[in-house]
Amino acid sequence: MDFWDFFWLIVYSFFFVAYLMVLFQIIADLFRDHELSGWWKALWIIFLIFLPVLTALVYLIARGRGMAERHAEGMAQAKQATDTYIREVAGPSPADQIASAKALLDAGTITPAEFERLKSKALV
């Protein structure tokens, strides 16, 4: 195998991997789209099997904008879920802990020494 054979093998491999990435994105988008009926999804899959490159190009041209919107919406939902989870797990901030301890002190539930201990614990 000489240099040019190796070079073309790398080029072909790059385009094959790029095509597989596009193919999986299209299939994921087909199942993510709730407005498209099952028959249309099946038809797109059949065409992707028998005319893969042409169908992928047609899909990207015809449905590319909606594909990007659905992907962005999915990413926003994932970010929102992650943020909600972090807020639930993290618990109250030190400022919230000090404010609640101050409210307990003002209500007479705890002593000033207990308030100072809770404040120092919240700041650590």
N, C-alpha and C. Protein backbone atom coordinates (compact mmCIF):
# COMPACT_ATOMS: atom_id res chain seq x y z
N MET A 1 0.86 -1.17 0.00
CA MET A 1 0.00 0.00 0.00
C MET A 1 0.91 1.24 0.00
N ASP A 2 0.74 2.07 -1.00
CA ASP A 2 1.55 3.27 -1.07
C ASP A 2 0.84 4.45 -0.41
N PHE A 3 1.46 5.63 -0.46
CA PHE A 3 0.94 6.81 0.21
C PHE A 3 -0.44 7.19 -0.30
N TRP A 4 -0.65 7.17 -1.61
CA TRP A 4 -1.93 7.63 -2.17
C TRP A 4 -3.07 6.67 -1.84
N ASP A 5 -2.79 5.39 -1.79
CA ASP A 5 -3.82 4.45 -1.34
C ASP A 5 -4.24 4.74 0.09
N PHE A 6 -3.27 4.99 0.94
CA PHE A 6 -3.56 5.32 2.33
C PHE A 6 -4.31 6.64 2.43
N PHE A 7 -3.89 7.63 1.64
CA PHE A 7 -4.56 8.93 1.63
C PHE A 7 -6.03 8.79 1.25
N TRP A 8 -6.30 8.06 0.18
CA TRP A 8 -7.70 7.90 -0.26
C TRP A 8 -8.51 7.07 0.73
N LEU A 9 -7.86 6.12 1.39
CA LEU A 9 -8.55 5.37 2.44
C LEU A 9 -8.99 6.30 3.57
N ILE A 10 -8.13 7.23 3.96
CA ILE A 10 -8.47 8.20 5.01
C ILE A 10 -9.61 9.10 4.54
N VAL A 11 -9.57 9.58 3.30
CA VAL A 11 -10.62 10.46 2.77
C VAL A 11 -11.95 9.71 2.72
N TYR A 12 -11.95 8.49 2.20
CA TYR A 12 -13.19 7.71 2.14
C TYR A 12 -13.73 7.41 3.53
N SER A 13 -12.82 7.10 4.46
CA SER A 13 -13.26 6.82 5.83
C SER A 13 -13.89 8.05 6.46
N PHE A 14 -13.33 9.23 6.21
CA PHE A 14 -13.89 10.47 6.74
C PHE A 14 -15.31 10.68 6.22
N PHE A 15 -15.51 10.53 4.90
CA PHE A 15 -16.84 10.74 4.34
C PHE A 15 -17.83 9.67 4.81
N PHE A 16 -17.37 8.46 5.02
CA PHE A 16 -18.25 7.41 5.51
C PHE A 16 -18.71 7.70 6.93
N VAL A 17 -17.78 8.12 7.80
CA VAL A 17 -18.14 8.44 9.18
C VAL A 17 -19.06 9.67 9.21
N ALA A 18 -18.77 10.66 8.37
CA ALA A 18 -19.64 11.84 8.29
C ALA A 18 -21.04 11.44 7.84
N TYR A 19 -21.13 10.55 6.86
CA TYR A 19 -22.44 10.09 6.40
C TYR A 19 -23.18 9.35 7.52
N LEU A 20 -22.48 8.50 8.27
CA LEU A 20 -23.12 7.78 9.37
C LEU A 20 -23.65 8.74 10.44
N MET A 21 -22.89 9.79 10.72
CA MET A 21 -23.35 10.78 11.70
C MET A 21 -24.62 11.46 11.21
N VAL A 22 -24.65 11.83 9.93
CA VAL A 22 -25.85 12.47 9.37
C VAL A 22 -27.02 11.49 9.39
N LEU A 23 -26.77 10.24 9.04
CA LEU A 23 -27.82 9.23 9.02
C LEU A 23 -28.44 9.05 10.42
N PHE A 24 -27.60 8.94 11.45
CA PHE A 24 -28.13 8.77 12.80
C PHE A 24 -28.86 10.01 13.28
N GLN A 25 -28.40 11.20 12.88
CA GLN A 25 -29.11 12.43 13.23
C GLN A 25 -30.49 12.45 12.57
N ILE A 26 -30.57 12.01 11.33
CA ILE A 26 -31.86 11.99 10.63
C ILE A 26 -32.81 11.00 11.30
N ILE A 27 -32.32 9.82 11.62
CA ILE A 27 -33.17 8.82 12.26
C ILE A 27 -33.63 9.30 13.63
N ALA A 28 -32.74 9.92 14.39
CA ALA A 28 -33.13 10.46 15.69
C ALA A 28 -34.17 11.56 15.53
N ASP A 29 -34.00 12.41 14.51
CA ASP A 29 -34.96 13.48 14.27
C ASP A 29 -36.31 12.94 13.84
N LEU A 30 -36.31 11.87 13.07
CA LEU A 30 -37.59 11.27 12.66
C LEU A 30 -38.39 10.83 13.88
N PHE A 31 -37.73 10.21 14.84
CA PHE A 31 -38.45 9.72 16.02
C PHE A 31 -38.71 10.83 17.04
N ARG A 32 -38.00 11.95 16.93
CA ARG A 32 -38.22 13.09 17.82
C ARG A 32 -39.41 13.93 17.37
N ASP A 33 -39.74 13.87 16.07
CA ASP A 33 -40.81 14.70 15.51
C ASP A 33 -42.17 14.06 15.80
N HIS A 34 -42.96 14.71 16.66
CA HIS A 34 -44.26 14.17 17.04
C HIS A 34 -45.36 14.56 16.06
N GLU A 35 -45.09 15.52 15.18
CA GLU A 35 -46.10 15.95 14.21
C GLU A 35 -46.13 15.06 12.97
N LEU A 36 -45.05 14.35 12.70
CA LEU A 36 -44.96 13.48 11.53
C LEU A 36 -45.61 12.14 11.85
N SER A 37 -46.48 11.68 10.94
CA SER A 37 -47.19 10.42 11.19
C SER A 37 -46.24 9.23 11.03
N GLY A 38 -46.67 8.10 11.55
CA GLY A 38 -45.87 6.89 11.48
C GLY A 38 -45.62 6.42 10.05
N TRP A 39 -46.59 6.64 9.17
CA TRP A 39 -46.42 6.24 7.77
C TRP A 39 -45.32 7.04 7.10
N TRP A 40 -45.27 8.36 7.37
CA TRP A 40 -44.21 9.18 6.79
C TRP A 40 -42.85 8.78 7.35
N LYS A 41 -42.81 8.46 8.63
CA LYS A 41 -41.55 8.02 9.23
C LYS A 41 -41.07 6.73 8.57
N ALA A 42 -42.00 5.79 8.39
CA ALA A 42 -41.64 4.52 7.74
C ALA A 42 -41.17 4.74 6.31
N LEU A 43 -41.82 5.65 5.60
CA LEU A 43 -41.44 5.95 4.21
C LEU A 43 -40.03 6.56 4.16
N TRP A 44 -39.73 7.48 5.07
CA TRP A 44 -38.39 8.06 5.11
C TRP A 44 -37.35 6.97 5.40
N ILE A 45 -37.65 6.06 6.32
CA ILE A 45 -36.70 4.98 6.66
C ILE A 45 -36.48 4.07 5.46
N ILE A 46 -37.55 3.73 4.75
CA ILE A 46 -37.42 2.87 3.57
C ILE A 46 -36.54 3.53 2.52
N PHE A 47 -36.78 4.82 2.28
CA PHE A 47 -35.95 5.53 1.31
C PHE A 47 -34.50 5.64 1.79
N LEU A 48 -34.30 5.80 3.11
CA LEU A 48 -32.93 5.84 3.63
C LEU A 48 -32.20 4.52 3.43
N ILE A 49 -32.96 3.42 3.40
CA ILE A 49 -32.34 2.11 3.18
C ILE A 49 -31.99 1.91 1.71
N PHE A 50 -32.90 2.28 0.80
CA PHE A 50 -32.70 1.97 -0.61
C PHE A 50 -31.98 3.07 -1.40
N LEU A 51 -32.13 4.32 -1.04
CA LEU A 51 -31.43 5.43 -1.69
C LEU A 51 -30.82 6.33 -0.60
N PRO A 52 -29.82 5.84 0.10
CA PRO A 52 -29.38 6.51 1.31
C PRO A 52 -28.84 7.93 1.12
N VAL A 53 -27.93 8.14 0.20
CA VAL A 53 -27.31 9.46 0.08
C VAL A 53 -28.30 10.47 -0.46
N LEU A 54 -29.05 10.11 -1.48
CA LEU A 54 -30.04 11.02 -2.06
C LEU A 54 -31.12 11.37 -1.04
N THR A 55 -31.60 10.37 -0.32
CA THR A 55 -32.64 10.62 0.69
C THR A 55 -32.12 11.50 1.81
N ALA A 56 -30.88 11.28 2.23
CA ALA A 56 -30.30 12.12 3.28
C ALA A 56 -30.21 13.57 2.82
N LEU A 57 -29.79 13.80 1.59
CA LEU A 57 -29.71 15.17 1.08
C LEU A 57 -31.09 15.81 0.99
N VAL A 58 -32.07 15.07 0.48
CA VAL A 58 -33.43 15.59 0.38
C VAL A 58 -33.99 15.90 1.76
N TYR A 59 -33.74 15.02 2.72
CA TYR A 59 -34.24 15.24 4.08
C TYR A 59 -33.63 16.50 4.68
N LEU A 60 -32.32 16.66 4.53
CA LEU A 60 -31.65 17.83 5.10
C LEU A 60 -32.13 19.12 4.45
N ILE A 61 -32.40 19.08 3.15
CA ILE A 61 -32.89 20.27 2.46
C ILE A 61 -34.34 20.56 2.85
N ALA A 62 -35.18 19.54 2.86
CA ALA A 62 -36.61 19.74 3.10
C ALA A 62 -36.94 19.96 4.57
N ARG A 63 -36.24 19.31 5.47
CA ARG A 63 -36.63 19.35 6.88
C ARG A 63 -35.51 19.83 7.80
N GLY A 64 -34.47 20.43 7.22
CA GLY A 64 -33.31 20.86 8.00
C GLY A 64 -33.63 21.89 9.06
N ARG A 65 -34.47 22.89 8.73
CA ARG A 65 -34.80 23.94 9.70
C ARG A 65 -35.56 23.35 10.89
N GLY A 66 -36.55 22.51 10.62
CA GLY A 66 -37.29 21.88 11.70
C GLY A 66 -36.41 20.95 12.52
N MET A 67 -35.47 20.31 11.84
CA MET A 67 -34.53 19.42 12.52
C MET A 67 -33.70 20.21 13.53
N ALA A 68 -33.23 21.37 13.12
CA ALA A 68 -32.43 22.22 14.01
C ALA A 68 -33.28 22.73 15.17
N GLU A 69 -34.53 23.10 14.90
CA GLU A 69 -35.41 23.60 15.96
C GLU A 69 -35.71 22.51 16.98
N ARG A 70 -35.99 21.29 16.49
CA ARG A 70 -36.27 20.19 17.42
C ARG A 70 -35.03 19.85 18.25
N HIS A 71 -33.86 19.91 17.64
CA HIS A 71 -32.62 19.63 18.37
C HIS A 71 -32.39 20.70 19.45
N ALA A 72 -32.58 21.96 19.09
CA ALA A 72 -32.41 23.04 20.07
C ALA A 72 -33.41 22.92 21.21
N GLU A 73 -34.64 22.55 20.88
CA GLU A 73 -35.68 22.37 21.92
C GLU A 73 -35.31 21.23 22.86
N GLY A 74 -34.79 20.14 22.32
CA GLY A 74 -34.36 19.02 23.15
C GLY A 74 -33.20 19.40 24.05
N MET A 75 -32.26 20.18 23.53
CA MET A 75 -31.14 20.63 24.35
C MET A 75 -31.61 21.56 25.46
N ALA A 76 -32.57 22.44 25.16
CA ALA A 76 -33.10 23.35 26.18
C ALA A 76 -33.81 22.58 27.29
N GLN A 77 -34.56 21.55 26.91
CA GLN A 77 -35.25 20.73 27.91
C GLN A 77 -34.24 19.98 28.78
N ALA A 78 -33.18 19.47 28.17
CA ALA A 78 -32.16 18.76 28.93
C ALA A 78 -31.45 19.71 29.89
N LYS A 79 -31.16 20.93 29.45
CA LYS A 79 -30.53 21.92 30.32
C LYS A 79 -31.44 22.29 31.48
N GLN A 80 -32.72 22.47 31.20
CA GLN A 80 -33.67 22.81 32.25
C GLN A 80 -33.76 21.68 33.28
N ALA A 81 -33.80 20.44 32.80
CA ALA A 81 -33.86 19.30 33.72
C ALA A 81 -32.59 19.21 34.57
N THR A 82 -31.44 19.47 33.96
CA THR A 82 -30.19 19.45 34.70
C THR A 82 -30.15 20.55 35.75
N ASP A 83 -30.57 21.75 35.38
CA ASP A 83 -30.60 22.87 36.34
C ASP A 83 -31.54 22.58 37.50
N THR A 84 -32.69 22.02 37.20
CA THR A 84 -33.65 21.68 38.26
C THR A 84 -33.06 20.64 39.21
N TYR A 85 -32.41 19.64 38.65
CA TYR A 85 -31.78 18.60 39.47
C TYR A 85 -30.69 19.19 40.37
N ILE A 86 -29.87 20.07 39.81
CA ILE A 86 -28.79 20.67 40.60
C ILE A 86 -29.36 21.50 41.73
N ARG A 87 -30.43 22.27 41.45
CA ARG A 87 -31.04 23.07 42.50
C ARG A 87 -31.63 22.20 43.61
N GLU A 88 -32.23 21.05 43.24
CA GLU A 88 -32.81 20.15 44.25
C GLU A 88 -31.73 19.53 45.12
N VAL A 89 -30.63 19.15 44.52
CA VAL A 89 -29.58 18.44 45.24
C VAL A 89 -28.73 19.41 46.06
N ALA A 90 -28.51 20.61 45.55
CA ALA A 90 -27.61 21.55 46.20
C ALA A 90 -28.14 22.04 47.54
N GLY A 91 -29.43 22.16 47.69
CA GLY A 91 -29.99 22.66 48.94
C GLY A 91 -29.93 24.18 48.99
N PRO A 92 -30.25 24.73 50.14
CA PRO A 92 -30.29 26.19 50.26
C PRO A 92 -28.88 26.80 50.23
N SER A 93 -28.79 28.04 49.77
CA SER A 93 -27.51 28.74 49.73
C SER A 93 -27.15 29.21 51.14
N PRO A 94 -25.90 29.58 51.38
CA PRO A 94 -25.52 30.09 52.69
C PRO A 94 -26.33 31.33 53.09
N ALA A 95 -26.64 32.19 52.12
CA ALA A 95 -27.44 33.37 52.45
C ALA A 95 -28.83 32.97 52.92
N ASP A 96 -29.42 31.95 52.29
CA ASP A 96 -30.73 31.47 52.72
C ASP A 96 -30.67 30.87 54.12
N GLN A 97 -29.61 30.12 54.40
CA GLN A 97 -29.46 29.52 55.72
C GLN A 97 -29.32 30.60 56.80
N ILE A 98 -28.54 31.64 56.52
CA ILE A 98 -28.36 32.72 57.49
C ILE A 98 -29.67 33.48 57.69
N ALA A 99 -30.41 33.70 56.58
CA ALA A 99 -31.68 34.41 56.68
C ALA A 99 -32.68 33.62 57.52
N SER A 100 -32.73 32.31 57.34
CA SER A 100 -33.67 31.51 58.13
C SER A 100 -33.23 31.47 59.60
N ALA A 101 -31.91 31.44 59.84
CA ALA A 101 -31.43 31.46 61.21
C ALA A 101 -31.75 32.81 61.86
N LYS A 102 -31.64 33.90 61.09
CA LYS A 102 -31.98 35.23 61.61
C LYS A 102 -33.47 35.31 61.95
N ALA A 103 -34.29 34.70 61.11
CA ALA A 103 -35.72 34.68 61.38
C ALA A 103 -36.01 33.91 62.67
N LEU A 104 -35.29 32.81 62.88
CA LEU A 104 -35.46 32.06 64.13
C LEU A 104 -34.99 32.88 65.33
N LEU A 105 -33.89 33.63 65.15
CA LEU A 105 -33.39 34.48 66.23
C LEU A 105 -34.39 35.58 66.55
N ASP A 106 -34.94 36.21 65.51
CA ASP A 106 -35.92 37.28 65.72
C ASP A 106 -37.19 36.75 66.38
N ALA A 107 -37.55 35.52 66.07
CA ALA A 107 -38.74 34.93 66.67
C ALA A 107 -38.49 34.46 68.10
N GLY A 108 -37.23 34.43 68.51
CA GLY A 108 -36.90 34.00 69.86
C GLY A 108 -36.77 32.50 70.00
N THR A 109 -36.72 31.80 68.89
CA THR A 109 -36.62 30.35 68.93
C THR A 109 -35.21 29.90 69.31
N ILE A 110 -34.19 30.64 68.86
CA ILE A 110 -32.81 30.29 69.18
C ILE A 110 -32.14 31.46 69.89
N THR A 111 -31.05 31.16 70.55
CA THR A 111 -30.29 32.19 71.27
C THR A 111 -29.29 32.84 70.33
N PRO A 112 -28.75 34.01 70.69
CA PRO A 112 -27.72 34.64 69.83
C PRO A 112 -26.48 33.75 69.65
N ALA A 113 -26.13 32.96 70.64
CA ALA A 113 -24.99 32.06 70.50
C ALA A 113 -25.28 30.97 69.45
N GLU A 114 -26.52 30.45 69.48
CA GLU A 114 -26.91 29.44 68.47
C GLU A 114 -26.94 30.07 67.08
N PHE A 115 -27.40 31.33 67.01
CA PHE A 115 -27.41 32.02 65.72
C PHE A 115 -26.00 32.16 65.17
N GLU A 116 -25.05 32.54 65.99
CA GLU A 116 -23.66 32.69 65.55
C GLU A 116 -23.08 31.36 65.10
N ARG A 117 -23.44 30.30 65.83
CA ARG A 117 -22.96 28.95 65.44
C ARG A 117 -23.54 28.54 64.09
N LEU A 118 -24.83 28.77 63.86
CA LEU A 118 -25.46 28.44 62.57
C LEU A 118 -24.88 29.30 61.45
N LYS A 119 -24.61 30.58 61.75
CA LYS A 119 -24.05 31.47 60.74
C LYS A 119 -22.65 31.01 60.35
N SER A 120 -21.83 30.66 61.34
CA SER A 120 -20.48 30.21 61.01
C SER A 120 -20.49 28.88 60.27
N LYS A 121 -21.45 28.02 60.60
CA LYS A 121 -21.59 26.73 59.91
C LYS A 121 -22.02 26.95 58.46
N ALA A 122 -22.91 27.93 58.22
CA ALA A 122 -23.38 28.20 56.86
C ALA A 122 -22.26 28.80 56.00
N LEU A 123 -21.37 29.57 56.60
CA LEU A 123 -20.30 30.22 55.85
C LEU A 123 -19.13 29.31 55.56
N VAL A 124 -19.06 28.14 56.18
CA VAL A 124 -17.96 27.20 55.94
C VAL A 124 -18.18 26.40 54.70
